[in-house]
Amino acid sequence: FFQGFLPDAHPMAMVCGVVGALSSF
């Protein structure tokens, strides 16, 4: 999932998206 973010994205943006995606697993 992290590959969909730009490297300079704020880490909170990544965490927010990835945590929400956990439900799909």
mmCIF file of all heavy atoms, coordinates in Angstrom:
data_MODEL
# 
_entry.id   MODEL 
# 
loop_
_atom_site.group_PDB 
_atom_site.id 
_atom_site.type_symbol 
_atom_site.label_atom_id 
_atom_site.label_alt_id 
_atom_site.label_comp_id 
_atom_site.label_asym_id 
_atom_site.label_entity_id 
_atom_site.label_seq_id 
_atom_site.pdbx_PDB_ins_code 
_atom_site.Cartn_x 
_atom_site.Cartn_y 
_atom_site.Cartn_z 
_atom_site.occupancy 
_atom_site.B_iso_or_equiv 
_atom_site.pdbx_formal_charge 
_atom_site.auth_seq_id 
_atom_site.auth_comp_id 
_atom_site.auth_asym_id 
_atom_site.auth_atom_id 
_atom_site.pdbx_PDB_model_num 
ATOM 1   N N   . PHE A 1 1  ? 0.826   -1.206  0.000  1.00 0.00 ? 1  PHE A N   1 
ATOM 2   C CA  . PHE A 1 1  ? 0.000   0.000   0.000  1.00 0.00 ? 1  PHE A CA  1 
ATOM 3   C C   . PHE A 1 1  ? 0.862   1.259   0.000  1.00 0.00 ? 1  PHE A C   1 
ATOM 4   O O   . PHE A 1 1  ? 0.485   2.285   -0.552 1.00 0.00 ? 1  PHE A O   1 
ATOM 5   C CB  . PHE A 1 1  ? -0.917  0.016   1.233  1.00 0.00 ? 1  PHE A CB  1 
ATOM 6   C CG  . PHE A 1 1  ? -2.163  -0.822  1.089  1.00 0.00 ? 1  PHE A CG  1 
ATOM 7   C CD1 . PHE A 1 1  ? -2.113  -2.075  0.518  1.00 0.00 ? 1  PHE A CD1 1 
ATOM 8   C CD2 . PHE A 1 1  ? -3.380  -0.348  1.543  1.00 0.00 ? 1  PHE A CD2 1 
ATOM 9   C CE1 . PHE A 1 1  ? -3.243  -2.855  0.396  1.00 0.00 ? 1  PHE A CE1 1 
ATOM 10  C CE2 . PHE A 1 1  ? -4.530  -1.124  1.428  1.00 0.00 ? 1  PHE A CE2 1 
ATOM 11  C CZ  . PHE A 1 1  ? -4.460  -2.379  0.849  1.00 0.00 ? 1  PHE A CZ  1 
ATOM 12  N N   . PHE A 1 2  ? 2.009   1.184   0.668  1.00 0.00 ? 2  PHE A N   1 
ATOM 13  C CA  . PHE A 1 2  ? 2.853   2.371   0.783  1.00 0.00 ? 2  PHE A CA  1 
ATOM 14  C C   . PHE A 1 2  ? 3.355   2.850   -0.574 1.00 0.00 ? 2  PHE A C   1 
ATOM 15  O O   . PHE A 1 2  ? 3.661   4.034   -0.737 1.00 0.00 ? 2  PHE A O   1 
ATOM 16  C CB  . PHE A 1 2  ? 4.033   2.081   1.720  1.00 0.00 ? 2  PHE A CB  1 
ATOM 17  C CG  . PHE A 1 2  ? 3.643   1.995   3.164  1.00 0.00 ? 2  PHE A CG  1 
ATOM 18  C CD1 . PHE A 1 2  ? 3.304   0.778   3.730  1.00 0.00 ? 2  PHE A CD1 1 
ATOM 19  C CD2 . PHE A 1 2  ? 3.611   3.130   3.962  1.00 0.00 ? 2  PHE A CD2 1 
ATOM 20  C CE1 . PHE A 1 2  ? 2.941   0.689   5.071  1.00 0.00 ? 2  PHE A CE1 1 
ATOM 21  C CE2 . PHE A 1 2  ? 3.251   3.052   5.295  1.00 0.00 ? 2  PHE A CE2 1 
ATOM 22  C CZ  . PHE A 1 2  ? 2.905   1.834   5.858  1.00 0.00 ? 2  PHE A CZ  1 
ATOM 23  N N   . GLN A 1 3  ? 3.440   1.937   -1.541 1.00 0.00 ? 3  GLN A N   1 
ATOM 24  C CA  . GLN A 1 3  ? 3.941   2.315   -2.856 1.00 0.00 ? 3  GLN A CA  1 
ATOM 25  C C   . GLN A 1 3  ? 3.008   3.312   -3.556 1.00 0.00 ? 3  GLN A C   1 
ATOM 26  O O   . GLN A 1 3  ? 3.414   3.975   -4.515 1.00 0.00 ? 3  GLN A O   1 
ATOM 27  C CB  . GLN A 1 3  ? 4.112   1.069   -3.731 1.00 0.00 ? 3  GLN A CB  1 
ATOM 28  C CG  . GLN A 1 3  ? 5.010   -0.002  -3.137 1.00 0.00 ? 3  GLN A CG  1 
ATOM 29  C CD  . GLN A 1 3  ? 6.387   0.508   -2.788 1.00 0.00 ? 3  GLN A CD  1 
ATOM 30  O OE1 . GLN A 1 3  ? 6.972   1.269   -3.557 1.00 0.00 ? 3  GLN A OE1 1 
ATOM 31  N NE2 . GLN A 1 3  ? 6.913   0.106   -1.637 1.00 0.00 ? 3  GLN A NE2 1 
ATOM 32  N N   . GLY A 1 4  ? 1.780   3.429   -3.071 1.00 0.00 ? 4  GLY A N   1 
ATOM 33  C CA  . GLY A 1 4  ? 0.843   4.371   -3.671 1.00 0.00 ? 4  GLY A CA  1 
ATOM 34  C C   . GLY A 1 4  ? 1.023   5.800   -3.194 1.00 0.00 ? 4  GLY A C   1 
ATOM 35  O O   . GLY A 1 4  ? 0.384   6.723   -3.718 1.00 0.00 ? 4  GLY A O   1 
ATOM 36  N N   . PHE A 1 5  ? 1.898   6.009   -2.194 1.00 0.00 ? 5  PHE A N   1 
ATOM 37  C CA  . PHE A 1 5  ? 2.135   7.351   -1.670 1.00 0.00 ? 5  PHE A CA  1 
ATOM 38  C C   . PHE A 1 5  ? 3.407   7.934   -2.264 1.00 0.00 ? 5  PHE A C   1 
ATOM 39  O O   . PHE A 1 5  ? 4.375   7.218   -2.542 1.00 0.00 ? 5  PHE A O   1 
ATOM 40  C CB  . PHE A 1 5  ? 2.298   7.312   -0.143 1.00 0.00 ? 5  PHE A CB  1 
ATOM 41  C CG  . PHE A 1 5  ? 1.055   6.917   0.599  1.00 0.00 ? 5  PHE A CG  1 
ATOM 42  C CD1 . PHE A 1 5  ? 0.886   5.602   1.035  1.00 0.00 ? 5  PHE A CD1 1 
ATOM 43  C CD2 . PHE A 1 5  ? 0.061   7.836   0.870  1.00 0.00 ? 5  PHE A CD2 1 
ATOM 44  C CE1 . PHE A 1 5  ? -0.257  5.222   1.725  1.00 0.00 ? 5  PHE A CE1 1 
ATOM 45  C CE2 . PHE A 1 5  ? -1.087  7.462   1.556  1.00 0.00 ? 5  PHE A CE2 1 
ATOM 46  C CZ  . PHE A 1 5  ? -1.243  6.164   1.980  1.00 0.00 ? 5  PHE A CZ  1 
ATOM 47  N N   . LEU A 1 6  ? 3.421   9.235   -2.461 1.00 0.00 ? 6  LEU A N   1 
ATOM 48  C CA  . LEU A 1 6  ? 4.661   9.904   -2.833 1.00 0.00 ? 6  LEU A CA  1 
ATOM 49  C C   . LEU A 1 6  ? 5.624   9.833   -1.651 1.00 0.00 ? 6  LEU A C   1 
ATOM 50  O O   . LEU A 1 6  ? 5.194   9.898   -0.487 1.00 0.00 ? 6  LEU A O   1 
ATOM 51  C CB  . LEU A 1 6  ? 4.390   11.366  -3.201 1.00 0.00 ? 6  LEU A CB  1 
ATOM 52  C CG  . LEU A 1 6  ? 3.561   11.598  -4.478 1.00 0.00 ? 6  LEU A CG  1 
ATOM 53  C CD1 . LEU A 1 6  ? 3.276   13.084  -4.659 1.00 0.00 ? 6  LEU A CD1 1 
ATOM 54  C CD2 . LEU A 1 6  ? 4.281   11.036  -5.692 1.00 0.00 ? 6  LEU A CD2 1 
ATOM 55  N N   . PRO A 1 7  ? 6.910   9.727   -1.893 1.00 0.00 ? 7  PRO A N   1 
ATOM 56  C CA  . PRO A 1 7  ? 7.864   9.603   -0.785 1.00 0.00 ? 7  PRO A CA  1 
ATOM 57  C C   . PRO A 1 7  ? 7.843   10.778  0.188  1.00 0.00 ? 7  PRO A C   1 
ATOM 58  O O   . PRO A 1 7  ? 8.182   10.615  1.362  1.00 0.00 ? 7  PRO A O   1 
ATOM 59  C CB  . PRO A 1 7  ? 9.223   9.507   -1.504 1.00 0.00 ? 7  PRO A CB  1 
ATOM 60  C CG  . PRO A 1 7  ? 8.894   8.975   -2.858 1.00 0.00 ? 7  PRO A CG  1 
ATOM 61  C CD  . PRO A 1 7  ? 7.559   9.560   -3.202 1.00 0.00 ? 7  PRO A CD  1 
ATOM 62  N N   . ASP A 1 8  ? 7.450   11.967  -0.293 1.00 0.00 ? 8  ASP A N   1 
ATOM 63  C CA  . ASP A 1 8  ? 7.429   13.123  0.596  1.00 0.00 ? 8  ASP A CA  1 
ATOM 64  C C   . ASP A 1 8  ? 6.057   13.352  1.244  1.00 0.00 ? 8  ASP A C   1 
ATOM 65  O O   . ASP A 1 8  ? 5.810   14.397  1.843  1.00 0.00 ? 8  ASP A O   1 
ATOM 66  C CB  . ASP A 1 8  ? 7.867   14.391  -0.147 1.00 0.00 ? 8  ASP A CB  1 
ATOM 67  C CG  . ASP A 1 8  ? 6.954   14.745  -1.317 1.00 0.00 ? 8  ASP A CG  1 
ATOM 68  O OD1 . ASP A 1 8  ? 6.079   13.916  -1.670 1.00 0.00 ? 8  ASP A OD1 1 
ATOM 69  O OD2 . ASP A 1 8  ? 7.116   15.851  -1.877 1.00 0.00 ? 8  ASP A OD2 1 
ATOM 70  N N   . ALA A 1 9  ? 5.160   12.365  1.135  1.00 0.00 ? 9  ALA A N   1 
ATOM 71  C CA  . ALA A 1 9  ? 3.863   12.476  1.811  1.00 0.00 ? 9  ALA A CA  1 
ATOM 72  C C   . ALA A 1 9  ? 4.071   12.500  3.317  1.00 0.00 ? 9  ALA A C   1 
ATOM 73  O O   . ALA A 1 9  ? 5.013   11.886  3.843  1.00 0.00 ? 9  ALA A O   1 
ATOM 74  C CB  . ALA A 1 9  ? 2.974   11.295  1.428  1.00 0.00 ? 9  ALA A CB  1 
ATOM 75  N N   . HIS A 1 10 ? 3.195   13.199  4.023  1.00 0.00 ? 10 HIS A N   1 
ATOM 76  C CA  . HIS A 1 10 ? 3.307   13.226  5.481  1.00 0.00 ? 10 HIS A CA  1 
ATOM 77  C C   . HIS A 1 10 ? 3.033   11.822  6.019  1.00 0.00 ? 10 HIS A C   1 
ATOM 78  O O   . HIS A 1 10 ? 2.090   11.146  5.579  1.00 0.00 ? 10 HIS A O   1 
ATOM 79  C CB  . HIS A 1 10 ? 2.304   14.215  6.076  1.00 0.00 ? 10 HIS A CB  1 
ATOM 80  C CG  . HIS A 1 10 ? 2.610   14.585  7.502  1.00 0.00 ? 10 HIS A CG  1 
ATOM 81  N ND1 . HIS A 1 10 ? 2.461   13.707  8.556  1.00 0.00 ? 10 HIS A ND1 1 
ATOM 82  C CD2 . HIS A 1 10 ? 3.069   15.746  8.041  1.00 0.00 ? 10 HIS A CD2 1 
ATOM 83  C CE1 . HIS A 1 10 ? 2.815   14.304  9.678  1.00 0.00 ? 10 HIS A CE1 1 
ATOM 84  N NE2 . HIS A 1 10 ? 3.186   15.551  9.389  1.00 0.00 ? 10 HIS A NE2 1 
ATOM 85  N N   . PRO A 1 11 ? 3.856   11.330  6.969  1.00 0.00 ? 11 PRO A N   1 
ATOM 86  C CA  . PRO A 1 11 ? 3.640   9.984   7.510  1.00 0.00 ? 11 PRO A CA  1 
ATOM 87  C C   . PRO A 1 11 ? 2.244   9.765   8.088  1.00 0.00 ? 11 PRO A C   1 
ATOM 88  O O   . PRO A 1 11 ? 1.728   8.640   8.048  1.00 0.00 ? 11 PRO A O   1 
ATOM 89  C CB  . PRO A 1 11 ? 4.710   9.867   8.602  1.00 0.00 ? 11 PRO A CB  1 
ATOM 90  C CG  . PRO A 1 11 ? 5.800   10.791  8.163  1.00 0.00 ? 11 PRO A CG  1 
ATOM 91  C CD  . PRO A 1 11 ? 5.099   11.932  7.488  1.00 0.00 ? 11 PRO A CD  1 
ATOM 92  N N   . MET A 1 12 ? 1.598   10.828  8.585  1.00 0.00 ? 12 MET A N   1 
ATOM 93  C CA  . MET A 1 12 ? 0.245   10.670  9.114  1.00 0.00 ? 12 MET A CA  1 
ATOM 94  C C   . MET A 1 12 ? -0.743  10.326  8.007  1.00 0.00 ? 12 MET A C   1 
ATOM 95  O O   . MET A 1 12 ? -1.714  9.601   8.233  1.00 0.00 ? 12 MET A O   1 
ATOM 96  C CB  . MET A 1 12 ? -0.205  11.926  9.850  1.00 0.00 ? 12 MET A CB  1 
ATOM 97  C CG  . MET A 1 12 ? 0.351   12.053  11.251 1.00 0.00 ? 12 MET A CG  1 
ATOM 98  S SD  . MET A 1 12 ? -0.271  10.809  12.405 1.00 0.00 ? 12 MET A SD  1 
ATOM 99  C CE  . MET A 1 12 ? -1.830  11.539  12.899 1.00 0.00 ? 12 MET A CE  1 
ATOM 100 N N   . ALA A 1 13 ? -0.506  10.842  6.795  1.00 0.00 ? 13 ALA A N   1 
ATOM 101 C CA  . ALA A 1 13 ? -1.366  10.494  5.665  1.00 0.00 ? 13 ALA A CA  1 
ATOM 102 C C   . ALA A 1 13 ? -1.256  9.005   5.366  1.00 0.00 ? 13 ALA A C   1 
ATOM 103 O O   . ALA A 1 13 ? -2.259  8.332   5.102  1.00 0.00 ? 13 ALA A O   1 
ATOM 104 C CB  . ALA A 1 13 ? -0.973  11.317  4.437  1.00 0.00 ? 13 ALA A CB  1 
ATOM 105 N N   . MET A 1 14 ? -0.033  8.491   5.412  1.00 0.00 ? 14 MET A N   1 
ATOM 106 C CA  . MET A 1 14 ? 0.172   7.063   5.169  1.00 0.00 ? 14 MET A CA  1 
ATOM 107 C C   . MET A 1 14 ? -0.495  6.220   6.248  1.00 0.00 ? 14 MET A C   1 
ATOM 108 O O   . MET A 1 14 ? -1.205  5.245   5.953  1.00 0.00 ? 14 MET A O   1 
ATOM 109 C CB  . MET A 1 14 ? 1.666   6.751   5.130  1.00 0.00 ? 14 MET A CB  1 
ATOM 110 C CG  . MET A 1 14 ? 2.454   7.511   4.088  1.00 0.00 ? 14 MET A CG  1 
ATOM 111 S SD  . MET A 1 14 ? 4.180   6.940   4.048  1.00 0.00 ? 14 MET A SD  1 
ATOM 112 C CE  . MET A 1 14 ? 5.013   8.415   3.471  1.00 0.00 ? 14 MET A CE  1 
ATOM 113 N N   . VAL A 1 15 ? -0.276  6.583   7.504  1.00 0.00 ? 15 VAL A N   1 
ATOM 114 C CA  . VAL A 1 15 ? -0.823  5.807   8.617  1.00 0.00 ? 15 VAL A CA  1 
ATOM 115 C C   . VAL A 1 15 ? -2.343  5.812   8.577  1.00 0.00 ? 15 VAL A C   1 
ATOM 116 O O   . VAL A 1 15 ? -2.993  4.773   8.767  1.00 0.00 ? 15 VAL A O   1 
ATOM 117 C CB  . VAL A 1 15 ? -0.297  6.349   9.965  1.00 0.00 ? 15 VAL A CB  1 
ATOM 118 C CG1 . VAL A 1 15 ? -1.016  5.689   11.147 1.00 0.00 ? 15 VAL A CG1 1 
ATOM 119 C CG2 . VAL A 1 15 ? 1.206   6.119   10.076 1.00 0.00 ? 15 VAL A CG2 1 
ATOM 120 N N   . CYS A 1 16 ? -2.927  6.970   8.322  1.00 0.00 ? 16 CYS A N   1 
ATOM 121 C CA  . CYS A 1 16 ? -4.388  7.083   8.274  1.00 0.00 ? 16 CYS A CA  1 
ATOM 122 C C   . CYS A 1 16 ? -4.961  6.148   7.210  1.00 0.00 ? 16 CYS A C   1 
ATOM 123 O O   . CYS A 1 16 ? -5.924  5.408   7.461  1.00 0.00 ? 16 CYS A O   1 
ATOM 124 C CB  . CYS A 1 16 ? -4.777  8.528   7.985  1.00 0.00 ? 16 CYS A CB  1 
ATOM 125 S SG  . CYS A 1 16 ? -6.547  8.870   8.135  1.00 0.00 ? 16 CYS A SG  1 
ATOM 126 N N   . GLY A 1 17 ? -4.353  6.149   6.013  1.00 0.00 ? 17 GLY A N   1 
ATOM 127 C CA  . GLY A 1 17 ? -4.846  5.309   4.936  1.00 0.00 ? 17 GLY A CA  1 
ATOM 128 C C   . GLY A 1 17 ? -4.631  3.828   5.187  1.00 0.00 ? 17 GLY A C   1 
ATOM 129 O O   . GLY A 1 17 ? -5.532  3.004   4.961  1.00 0.00 ? 17 GLY A O   1 
ATOM 130 N N   . VAL A 1 18 ? -3.443  3.474   5.678  1.00 0.00 ? 18 VAL A N   1 
ATOM 131 C CA  . VAL A 1 18 ? -3.111  2.063   5.862  1.00 0.00 ? 18 VAL A CA  1 
ATOM 132 C C   . VAL A 1 18 ? -3.914  1.452   7.003  1.00 0.00 ? 18 VAL A C   1 
ATOM 133 O O   . VAL A 1 18 ? -4.389  0.311   6.903  1.00 0.00 ? 18 VAL A O   1 
ATOM 134 C CB  . VAL A 1 18 ? -1.595  1.898   6.089  1.00 0.00 ? 18 VAL A CB  1 
ATOM 135 C CG1 . VAL A 1 18 ? -1.252  0.470   6.480  1.00 0.00 ? 18 VAL A CG1 1 
ATOM 136 C CG2 . VAL A 1 18 ? -0.822  2.293   4.831  1.00 0.00 ? 18 VAL A CG2 1 
ATOM 137 N N   . VAL A 1 19 ? -4.106  2.194   8.086  1.00 0.00 ? 19 VAL A N   1 
ATOM 138 C CA  . VAL A 1 19 ? -4.903  1.665   9.203  1.00 0.00 ? 19 VAL A CA  1 
ATOM 139 C C   . VAL A 1 19 ? -6.340  1.413   8.754  1.00 0.00 ? 19 VAL A C   1 
ATOM 140 O O   . VAL A 1 19 ? -6.939  0.383   9.078  1.00 0.00 ? 19 VAL A O   1 
ATOM 141 C CB  . VAL A 1 19 ? -4.868  2.633   10.413 1.00 0.00 ? 19 VAL A CB  1 
ATOM 142 C CG1 . VAL A 1 19 ? -5.893  2.225   11.464 1.00 0.00 ? 19 VAL A CG1 1 
ATOM 143 C CG2 . VAL A 1 19 ? -3.478  2.644   11.031 1.00 0.00 ? 19 VAL A CG2 1 
ATOM 144 N N   . GLY A 1 20 ? -6.913  2.344   8.007  1.00 0.00 ? 20 GLY A N   1 
ATOM 145 C CA  . GLY A 1 20 ? -8.263  2.131   7.506  1.00 0.00 ? 20 GLY A CA  1 
ATOM 146 C C   . GLY A 1 20 ? -8.370  0.912   6.616  1.00 0.00 ? 20 GLY A C   1 
ATOM 147 O O   . GLY A 1 20 ? -9.386  0.198   6.623  1.00 0.00 ? 20 GLY A O   1 
ATOM 148 N N   . ALA A 1 21 ? -7.278  0.633   5.878  1.00 0.00 ? 21 ALA A N   1 
ATOM 149 C CA  . ALA A 1 21 ? -7.283  -0.511  4.963  1.00 0.00 ? 21 ALA A CA  1 
ATOM 150 C C   . ALA A 1 21 ? -7.164  -1.847  5.686  1.00 0.00 ? 21 ALA A C   1 
ATOM 151 O O   . ALA A 1 21 ? -7.429  -2.898  5.087  1.00 0.00 ? 21 ALA A O   1 
ATOM 152 C CB  . ALA A 1 21 ? -6.139  -0.371  3.962  1.00 0.00 ? 21 ALA A CB  1 
ATOM 153 N N   . LEU A 1 22 ? -6.771  -1.838  6.959  1.00 0.00 ? 22 LEU A N   1 
ATOM 154 C CA  . LEU A 1 22 ? -6.621  -3.098  7.695  1.00 0.00 ? 22 LEU A CA  1 
ATOM 155 C C   . LEU A 1 22 ? -7.910  -3.921  7.705  1.00 0.00 ? 22 LEU A C   1 
ATOM 156 O O   . LEU A 1 22 ? -7.862  -5.156  7.736  1.00 0.00 ? 22 LEU A O   1 
ATOM 157 C CB  . LEU A 1 22 ? -6.190  -2.818  9.143  1.00 0.00 ? 22 LEU A CB  1 
ATOM 158 C CG  . LEU A 1 22 ? -4.703  -2.589  9.411  1.00 0.00 ? 22 LEU A CG  1 
ATOM 159 C CD1 . LEU A 1 22 ? -4.495  -2.151  10.844 1.00 0.00 ? 22 LEU A CD1 1 
ATOM 160 C CD2 . LEU A 1 22 ? -3.893  -3.842  9.105  1.00 0.00 ? 22 LEU A CD2 1 
ATOM 161 N N   . SER A 1 23 ? -9.048  -3.244  7.681  1.00 0.00 ? 23 SER A N   1 
ATOM 162 C CA  . SER A 1 23 ? -10.314 -3.975  7.743  1.00 0.00 ? 23 SER A CA  1 
ATOM 163 C C   . SER A 1 23 ? -10.485 -4.924  6.563  1.00 0.00 ? 23 SER A C   1 
ATOM 164 O O   . SER A 1 23 ? -11.159 -5.947  6.668  1.00 0.00 ? 23 SER A O   1 
ATOM 165 C CB  . SER A 1 23 ? -11.500 -2.994  7.789  1.00 0.00 ? 23 SER A CB  1 
ATOM 166 O OG  . SER A 1 23 ? -11.536 -2.202  6.617  1.00 0.00 ? 23 SER A OG  1 
ATOM 167 N N   . SER A 1 24 ? -9.852  -4.601  5.440  1.00 0.00 ? 24 SER A N   1 
ATOM 168 C CA  . SER A 1 24 ? -9.982  -5.456  4.265  1.00 0.00 ? 24 SER A CA  1 
ATOM 169 C C   . SER A 1 24 ? -9.237  -6.775  4.422  1.00 0.00 ? 24 SER A C   1 
ATOM 170 O O   . SER A 1 24 ? -9.460  -7.717  3.658  1.00 0.00 ? 24 SER A O   1 
ATOM 171 C CB  . SER A 1 24 ? -9.483  -4.725  3.012  1.00 0.00 ? 24 SER A CB  1 
ATOM 172 O OG  . SER A 1 24 ? -8.094  -4.464  3.098  1.00 0.00 ? 24 SER A OG  1 
ATOM 173 N N   . PHE A 1 25 ? -8.365  -6.858  5.420  1.00 0.00 ? 25 PHE A N   1 
ATOM 174 C CA  . PHE A 1 25 ? -7.626  -8.093  5.677  1.00 0.00 ? 25 PHE A CA  1 
ATOM 175 C C   . PHE A 1 25 ? -8.306  -8.961  6.748  1.00 0.00 ? 25 PHE A C   1 
ATOM 176 O O   . PHE A 1 25 ? -7.932  -10.111 6.937  1.00 0.00 ? 25 PHE A O   1 
ATOM 177 C CB  . PHE A 1 25 ? -6.195  -7.762  6.126  1.00 0.00 ? 25 PHE A CB  1 
ATOM 178 C CG  . PHE A 1 25 ? -5.357  -7.157  5.043  1.00 0.00 ? 25 PHE A CG  1 
ATOM 179 C CD1 . PHE A 1 25 ? -5.395  -5.783  4.810  1.00 0.00 ? 25 PHE A CD1 1 
ATOM 180 C CD2 . PHE A 1 25 ? -4.552  -7.938  4.228  1.00 0.00 ? 25 PHE A CD2 1 
ATOM 181 C CE1 . PHE A 1 25 ? -4.631  -5.211  3.805  1.00 0.00 ? 25 PHE A CE1 1 
ATOM 182 C CE2 . PHE A 1 25 ? -3.796  -7.375  3.220  1.00 0.00 ? 25 PHE A CE2 1 
ATOM 183 C CZ  . PHE A 1 25 ? -3.830  -6.012  3.004  1.00 0.00 ? 25 PHE A CZ  1 
# 
